[in-house]
PDB file of all heavy atoms in Angstrom:
ATOM      1  N   PRO A   1     -78.301 255.961 -18.914  1.00  0.00           N
ATOM      2  CA  PRO A   1     -79.552 256.491 -19.512  1.00  0.00           C
ATOM      3  C   PRO A   1     -79.552 256.140 -20.992  1.00  0.00           C
ATOM      4  O   PRO A   1     -78.840 256.759 -21.797  1.00  0.00           O
ATOM      5  CB  PRO A   1     -79.483 257.981 -19.282  1.00  0.00           C
ATOM      6  CG  PRO A   1     -78.358 258.197 -18.280  1.00  0.00           C
ATOM      7  CD  PRO A   1     -77.416 257.038 -18.460  1.00  0.00           C
ATOM      8  N   VAL A   2     -80.337 255.152 -21.363  1.00  0.00           N
ATOM      9  CA  VAL A   2     -80.311 254.626 -22.760  1.00  0.00           C
ATOM     10  C   VAL A   2     -80.746 255.677 -23.754  1.00  0.00           C
ATOM     11  O   VAL A   2     -80.202 255.762 -24.867  1.00  0.00           O
ATOM     12  CB  VAL A   2     -81.096 253.333 -22.811  1.00  0.00           C
ATOM     13  CG1 VAL A   2     -81.556 253.051 -24.277  1.00  0.00           C
ATOM     14  CG2 VAL A   2     -80.298 252.159 -22.308  1.00  0.00           C
ATOM     15  N   TRP A   3     -81.789 256.457 -23.395  1.00  0.00           N
ATOM     16  CA  TRP A   3     -82.279 257.487 -24.335  1.00  0.00           C
ATOM     17  C   TRP A   3     -81.173 258.408 -24.754  1.00  0.00           C
ATOM     18  O   TRP A   3     -81.119 258.846 -25.932  1.00  0.00           O
ATOM     19  CB  TRP A   3     -83.453 258.254 -23.714  1.00  0.00           C
ATOM     20  CG  TRP A   3     -83.005 259.159 -22.573  1.00  0.00           C
ATOM     21  CD1 TRP A   3     -82.973 258.883 -21.243  1.00  0.00           C
ATOM     22  CD2 TRP A   3     -82.514 260.503 -22.726  1.00  0.00           C
ATOM     23  NE1 TRP A   3     -82.492 259.975 -20.523  1.00  0.00           N
ATOM     24  CE2 TRP A   3     -82.208 260.988 -21.408  1.00  0.00           C
ATOM     25  CE3 TRP A   3     -82.284 261.395 -23.777  1.00  0.00           C
ATOM     26  CZ2 TRP A   3     -81.691 262.247 -21.159  1.00  0.00           C
ATOM     27  CZ3 TRP A   3     -81.750 262.647 -23.552  1.00  0.00           C
ATOM     28  CH2 TRP A   3     -81.488 263.080 -22.198  1.00  0.00           C
ATOM     29  N   LYS A   4     -80.276 258.762 -23.848  1.00  0.00           N
ATOM     30  CA  LYS A   4     -79.192 259.664 -24.127  1.00  0.00           C
ATOM     31  C   LYS A   4     -78.133 258.987 -25.046  1.00  0.00           C
ATOM     32  O   LYS A   4     -77.646 259.651 -25.973  1.00  0.00           O
ATOM     33  CB  LYS A   4     -78.521 260.068 -22.794  1.00  0.00           C
ATOM     34  CG  LYS A   4     -77.538 261.224 -22.912  1.00  0.00           C
ATOM     35  CD  LYS A   4     -77.088 261.640 -21.506  1.00  0.00           C
ATOM     36  CE  LYS A   4     -76.190 262.886 -21.590  1.00  0.00           C
ATOM     37  NZ  LYS A   4     -74.913 262.627 -22.313  1.00  0.00           N
ATOM     38  N   LYS A   5     -77.874 257.721 -24.788  1.00  0.00           N
ATOM     39  CA  LYS A   5     -76.920 257.039 -25.656  1.00  0.00           C
ATOM     40  C   LYS A   5     -77.427 256.885 -27.080  1.00  0.00           C
ATOM     41  O   LYS A   5     -76.675 257.050 -28.039  1.00  0.00           O
ATOM     42  CB  LYS A   5     -76.609 255.669 -25.030  1.00  0.00           C
ATOM     43  CG  LYS A   5     -75.854 255.681 -23.709  1.00  0.00           C
ATOM     44  CD  LYS A   5     -74.545 256.406 -23.824  1.00  0.00           C
ATOM     45  CE  LYS A   5     -73.560 255.741 -24.725  1.00  0.00           C
ATOM     46  NZ  LYS A   5     -72.250 256.418 -24.733  1.00  0.00           N
ATOM     47  N   ILE A   6     -78.732 256.526 -27.192  1.00  0.00           N
ATOM     48  CA  ILE A   6     -79.323 256.403 -28.532  1.00  0.00           C
ATOM     49  C   ILE A   6     -79.267 257.757 -29.286  1.00  0.00           C
ATOM     50  O   ILE A   6     -78.992 257.813 -30.486  1.00  0.00           O
ATOM     51  CB  ILE A   6     -80.741 255.850 -28.439  1.00  0.00           C
ATOM     52  CG1 ILE A   6     -80.692 254.405 -27.988  1.00  0.00           C
ATOM     53  CG2 ILE A   6     -81.452 255.968 -29.797  1.00  0.00           C
ATOM     54  CD1 ILE A   6     -82.050 253.739 -27.814  1.00  0.00           C
ATOM     55  N   ASP A   7     -79.514 258.835 -28.547  1.00  0.00           N
ATOM     56  CA  ASP A   7     -79.446 260.174 -29.188  1.00  0.00           C
ATOM     57  C   ASP A   7     -78.070 260.440 -29.721  1.00  0.00           C
ATOM     58  O   ASP A   7     -77.869 260.944 -30.788  1.00  0.00           O
ATOM     59  CB  ASP A   7     -79.885 261.250 -28.197  1.00  0.00           C
ATOM     60  CG  ASP A   7     -79.976 262.614 -28.799  1.00  0.00           C
ATOM     61  OD1 ASP A   7     -80.772 262.767 -29.804  1.00  0.00           O
ATOM     62  OD2 ASP A   7     -79.289 263.558 -28.351  1.00  0.00           O
ATOM     63  N   GLU A   8     -77.044 260.013 -28.907  1.00  0.00           N
ATOM     64  CA  GLU A   8     -75.621 260.234 -29.350  1.00  0.00           C
ATOM     65  C   GLU A   8     -75.387 259.407 -30.593  1.00  0.00           C
ATOM     66  O   GLU A   8     -74.720 259.884 -31.565  1.00  0.00           O
ATOM     67  CB  GLU A   8     -74.712 259.775 -28.209  1.00  0.00           C
ATOM     68  CG  GLU A   8     -74.726 260.729 -27.017  1.00  0.00           C
ATOM     69  CD  GLU A   8     -73.877 260.186 -25.889  1.00  0.00           C
ATOM     70  OE1 GLU A   8     -73.174 259.166 -26.093  1.00  0.00           O
ATOM     71  OE2 GLU A   8     -73.937 260.731 -24.763  1.00  0.00           O
ATOM     72  N   PHE A   9     -75.868 258.149 -30.615  1.00  0.00           N
ATOM     73  CA  PHE A   9     -75.647 257.265 -31.786  1.00  0.00           C
ATOM     74  C   PHE A   9     -76.334 257.808 -33.027  1.00  0.00           C
ATOM     75  O   PHE A   9     -75.803 257.748 -34.140  1.00  0.00           O
ATOM     76  CB  PHE A   9     -76.116 255.863 -31.477  1.00  0.00           C
ATOM     77  CG  PHE A   9     -75.356 255.162 -30.407  1.00  0.00           C
ATOM     78  CD1 PHE A   9     -76.020 254.440 -29.407  1.00  0.00           C
ATOM     79  CD2 PHE A   9     -73.941 255.243 -30.341  1.00  0.00           C
ATOM     80  CE1 PHE A   9     -75.261 253.810 -28.421  1.00  0.00           C
ATOM     81  CE2 PHE A   9     -73.258 254.624 -29.347  1.00  0.00           C
ATOM     82  CZ  PHE A   9     -73.900 253.883 -28.385  1.00  0.00           C
ATOM     83  N   LYS A  10     -77.549 258.410 -32.852  1.00  0.00           N
ATOM     84  CA  LYS A  10     -78.258 259.020 -33.984  1.00  0.00           C
ATOM     85  C   LYS A  10     -77.451 260.165 -34.584  1.00  0.00           C
ATOM     86  O   LYS A  10     -77.367 260.337 -35.790  1.00  0.00           O
ATOM     87  CB  LYS A  10     -79.678 259.437 -33.566  1.00  0.00           C
ATOM     88  CG  LYS A  10     -80.627 258.306 -33.323  1.00  0.00           C
ATOM     89  CD  LYS A  10     -81.885 258.817 -32.645  1.00  0.00           C
ATOM     90  CE  LYS A  10     -82.691 259.796 -33.498  1.00  0.00           C
ATOM     91  NZ  LYS A  10     -83.918 260.236 -32.829  1.00  0.00           N
ATOM     92  N   LYS A  11     -76.900 261.018 -33.742  1.00  0.00           N
ATOM     93  CA  LYS A  11     -76.116 262.141 -34.162  1.00  0.00           C
ATOM     94  C   LYS A  11     -74.879 261.690 -34.926  1.00  0.00           C
ATOM     95  O   LYS A  11     -74.429 262.393 -35.833  1.00  0.00           O
ATOM     96  CB  LYS A  11     -75.707 263.002 -32.978  1.00  0.00           C
ATOM     97  CG  LYS A  11     -76.910 263.789 -32.376  1.00  0.00           C
ATOM     98  CD  LYS A  11     -76.451 264.580 -31.125  1.00  0.00           C
ATOM     99  CE  LYS A  11     -77.633 265.359 -30.535  1.00  0.00           C
ATOM    100  NZ  LYS A  11     -77.227 266.046 -29.286  1.00  0.00           N
ATOM    101  N   LYS A  12     -74.293 260.554 -34.553  1.00  0.00           N
ATOM    102  CA  LYS A  12     -73.152 260.020 -35.228  1.00  0.00           C
ATOM    103  C   LYS A  12     -73.517 259.196 -36.475  1.00  0.00           C
ATOM    104  O   LYS A  12     -72.643 258.600 -37.094  1.00  0.00           O
ATOM    105  CB  LYS A  12     -72.381 259.163 -34.265  1.00  0.00           C
ATOM    106  CG  LYS A  12     -71.744 259.923 -33.088  1.00  0.00           C
ATOM    107  CD  LYS A  12     -71.045 259.001 -32.142  1.00  0.00           C
ATOM    108  CE  LYS A  12     -70.435 259.746 -30.936  1.00  0.00           C
ATOM    109  NZ  LYS A  12     -69.759 258.838 -29.930  1.00  0.00           N
ATOM    110  N   LYS A  13     -74.850 259.165 -36.825  1.00  0.00           N
ATOM    111  CA  LYS A  13     -75.321 258.421 -37.995  1.00  0.00           C
ATOM    112  C   LYS A  13     -75.072 256.948 -37.919  1.00  0.00           C
ATOM    113  O   LYS A  13     -74.843 256.220 -38.883  1.00  0.00           O
ATOM    114  CB  LYS A  13     -74.673 258.957 -39.283  1.00  0.00           C
ATOM    115  CG  LYS A  13     -74.832 260.446 -39.476  1.00  0.00           C
ATOM    116  CD  LYS A  13     -76.295 260.875 -39.585  1.00  0.00           C
ATOM    117  CE  LYS A  13     -76.425 262.388 -39.833  1.00  0.00           C
ATOM    118  NZ  LYS A  13     -77.851 262.839 -39.893  1.00  0.00           N
ATOM    119  N   LYS A  14     -75.109 256.417 -36.689  1.00  0.00           N
ATOM    120  CA  LYS A  14     -74.975 254.961 -36.502  1.00  0.00           C
ATOM    121  C   LYS A  14     -76.232 254.242 -36.976  1.00  0.00           C
ATOM    122  O   LYS A  14     -77.317 254.730 -36.835  1.00  0.00           O
ATOM    123  CB  LYS A  14     -74.727 254.647 -35.002  1.00  0.00           C
ATOM    124  CG  LYS A  14     -73.442 255.247 -34.433  1.00  0.00           C
ATOM    125  CD  LYS A  14     -72.181 254.632 -35.005  1.00  0.00           C
ATOM    126  CE  LYS A  14     -70.970 255.159 -34.260  1.00  0.00           C
ATOM    127  NZ  LYS A  14     -69.681 254.607 -34.871  1.00  0.00           N
ATOM    128  N   LYS A  15     -76.012 253.047 -37.518  1.00  0.00           N
ATOM    129  CA  LYS A  15     -77.177 252.229 -37.921  1.00  0.00           C
ATOM    130  C   LYS A  15     -77.698 251.480 -36.695  1.00  0.00           C
ATOM    131  O   LYS A  15     -76.998 250.729 -36.052  1.00  0.00           O
ATOM    132  CB  LYS A  15     -76.735 251.233 -38.995  1.00  0.00           C
ATOM    133  CG  LYS A  15     -76.335 251.841 -40.285  1.00  0.00           C
ATOM    134  CD  LYS A  15     -75.947 250.804 -41.304  1.00  0.00           C
ATOM    135  CE  LYS A  15     -75.491 251.405 -42.646  1.00  0.00           C
ATOM    136  NZ  LYS A  15     -75.039 250.344 -43.552  1.00  0.00           N
ATOM    137  N   ILE A  16     -78.979 251.728 -36.394  1.00  0.00           N
ATOM    138  CA  ILE A  16     -79.565 251.136 -35.177  1.00  0.00           C
ATOM    139  C   ILE A  16     -80.563 250.069 -35.556  1.00  0.00           C
ATOM    140  O   ILE A  16     -81.479 250.301 -36.409  1.00  0.00           O
ATOM    141  CB  ILE A  16     -80.241 252.250 -34.310  1.00  0.00           C
ATOM    142  CG1 ILE A  16     -79.241 253.303 -33.990  1.00  0.00           C
ATOM    143  CG2 ILE A  16     -80.834 251.616 -33.023  1.00  0.00           C
ATOM    144  CD1 ILE A  16     -79.843 254.513 -33.226  1.00  0.00           C
ATOM    145  N   LEU A  17     -80.489 248.949 -34.974  1.00  0.00           N
ATOM    146  CA  LEU A  17     -81.421 247.830 -35.184  1.00  0.00           C
ATOM    147  C   LEU A  17     -82.217 247.605 -33.879  1.00  0.00           C
ATOM    148  O   LEU A  17     -81.628 247.301 -32.804  1.00  0.00           O
ATOM    149  CB  LEU A  17     -80.660 246.548 -35.567  1.00  0.00           C
ATOM    150  CG  LEU A  17     -81.461 245.286 -35.767  1.00  0.00           C
ATOM    151  CD1 LEU A  17     -82.421 245.455 -36.954  1.00  0.00           C
ATOM    152  CD2 LEU A  17     -80.525 244.088 -36.013  1.00  0.00           C
ATOM    153  N   PHE A  18     -83.504 247.723 -33.930  1.00  0.00           N
ATOM    154  CA  PHE A  18     -84.357 247.490 -32.769  1.00  0.00           C
ATOM    155  C   PHE A  18     -84.948 246.067 -32.843  1.00  0.00           C
ATOM    156  O   PHE A  18     -85.609 245.714 -33.832  1.00  0.00           O
ATOM    157  CB  PHE A  18     -85.513 248.512 -32.750  1.00  0.00           C
ATOM    158  CG  PHE A  18     -85.047 249.934 -32.603  1.00  0.00           C
ATOM    159  CD1 PHE A  18     -84.808 250.734 -33.725  1.00  0.00           C
ATOM    160  CD2 PHE A  18     -84.896 250.501 -31.348  1.00  0.00           C
ATOM    161  CE1 PHE A  18     -84.411 252.046 -33.565  1.00  0.00           C
ATOM    162  CE2 PHE A  18     -84.490 251.818 -31.224  1.00  0.00           C
ATOM    163  CZ  PHE A  18     -84.223 252.589 -32.280  1.00  0.00           C
ATOM    164  N   GLU A  19     -84.726 245.292 -31.862  1.00  0.00           N
ATOM    165  CA  GLU A  19     -85.035 243.844 -31.854  1.00  0.00           C
ATOM    166  C   GLU A  19     -86.218 243.567 -30.959  1.00  0.00           C
ATOM    167  O   GLU A  19     -86.130 243.703 -29.693  1.00  0.00           O
ATOM    168  CB  GLU A  19     -83.841 243.067 -31.401  1.00  0.00           C
ATOM    169  CG  GLU A  19     -84.042 241.578 -31.301  1.00  0.00           C
ATOM    170  CD  GLU A  19     -82.869 240.835 -30.749  1.00  0.00           C
ATOM    171  OE1 GLU A  19     -81.813 241.494 -30.482  1.00  0.00           O
ATOM    172  OE2 GLU A  19     -82.929 239.595 -30.627  1.00  0.00           O
ATOM    173  N   GLY A  20     -87.380 243.190 -31.529  1.00  0.00           N
ATOM    174  CA  GLY A  20     -88.536 242.858 -30.761  1.00  0.00           C
ATOM    175  C   GLY A  20     -88.482 241.398 -30.263  1.00  0.00           C
ATOM    176  O   GLY A  20     -87.796 240.551 -30.854  1.00  0.00           O
ATOM    177  N   ALA A  21     -89.300 241.114 -29.263  1.00  0.00           N
ATOM    178  CA  ALA A  21     -89.453 239.768 -28.774  1.00  0.00           C
ATOM    179  C   ALA A  21     -90.908 239.316 -28.958  1.00  0.00           C
ATOM    180  O   ALA A  21     -91.762 240.136 -29.130  1.00  0.00           O
ATOM    181  CB  ALA A  21     -89.042 239.714 -27.265  1.00  0.00           C
ATOM    182  N   GLN A  22     -91.161 238.000 -28.911  1.00  0.00           N
ATOM    183  CA  GLN A  22     -92.483 237.449 -29.137  1.00  0.00           C
ATOM    184  C   GLN A  22     -92.959 237.836 -30.541  1.00  0.00           C
ATOM    185  O   GLN A  22     -92.174 237.979 -31.437  1.00  0.00           O
ATOM    186  CB  GLN A  22     -93.483 237.844 -28.086  1.00  0.00           C
ATOM    187  CG  GLN A  22     -93.202 237.204 -26.714  1.00  0.00           C
ATOM    188  CD  GLN A  22     -92.420 238.115 -25.781  1.00  0.00           C
ATOM    189  OE1 GLN A  22     -92.445 239.326 -25.820  1.00  0.00           O
ATOM    190  NE2 GLN A  22     -91.650 237.515 -24.952  1.00  0.00           N
ATOM    191  N   GLY A  23     -94.245 237.991 -30.728  1.00  0.00           N
ATOM    192  CA  GLY A  23     -94.805 238.282 -32.060  1.00  0.00           C
ATOM    193  C   GLY A  23     -95.958 239.220 -31.862  1.00  0.00           C
ATOM    194  O   GLY A  23     -96.522 239.421 -30.769  1.00  0.00           O
ATOM    195  N   ILE A  24     -96.403 239.862 -32.972  1.00  0.00           N
ATOM    196  CA  ILE A  24     -97.467 240.877 -32.945  1.00  0.00           C
ATOM    197  C   ILE A  24     -98.771 240.301 -32.426  1.00  0.00           C
ATOM    198  O   ILE A  24     -99.544 240.958 -31.768  1.00  0.00           O
ATOM    199  CB  ILE A  24     -97.633 241.497 -34.361  1.00  0.00           C
ATOM    200  CG1 ILE A  24     -96.369 242.200 -34.785  1.00  0.00           C
ATOM    201  CG2 ILE A  24     -98.797 242.504 -34.340  1.00  0.00           C
ATOM    202  CD1 ILE A  24     -96.318 242.609 -36.227  1.00  0.00           C
ATOM    203  N   LEU A  25     -99.047 239.005 -32.749  1.00  0.00           N
ATOM    204  CA  LEU A  25    -100.249 238.384 -32.302  1.00  0.00           C
ATOM    205  C   LEU A  25    -100.297 238.158 -30.799  1.00  0.00           C
ATOM    206  O   LEU A  25    -101.312 237.677 -30.256  1.00  0.00           O
ATOM    207  CB  LEU A  25    -100.510 237.092 -33.042  1.00  0.00           C
ATOM    208  CG  LEU A  25    -100.859 237.254 -34.535  1.00  0.00           C
ATOM    209  CD1 LEU A  25    -100.826 235.933 -35.263  1.00  0.00           C
ATOM    210  CD2 LEU A  25    -102.224 237.901 -34.700  1.00  0.00           C
ATOM    211  N   LEU A  26     -99.178 238.403 -30.107  1.00  0.00           N
ATOM    212  CA  LEU A  26     -99.118 238.323 -28.661  1.00  0.00           C
ATOM    213  C   LEU A  26     -99.122 239.706 -28.028  1.00  0.00           C
ATOM    214  O   LEU A  26     -98.983 239.844 -26.798  1.00  0.00           O
ATOM    215  CB  LEU A  26     -97.865 237.562 -28.221  1.00  0.00           C
ATOM    216  CG  LEU A  26     -97.833 236.068 -28.581  1.00  0.00           C
ATOM    217  CD1 LEU A  26     -96.491 235.440 -28.197  1.00  0.00           C
ATOM    218  CD2 LEU A  26     -98.946 235.291 -27.907  1.00  0.00           C
TER     219      LEU A  26
END
């Protein structure tokens, strides 16, 4: 469950990088 893992990382003050694909014009 990714939402749970991200919540754990947030509590641990981990730096999270969200990587998008394609571009906004798509």
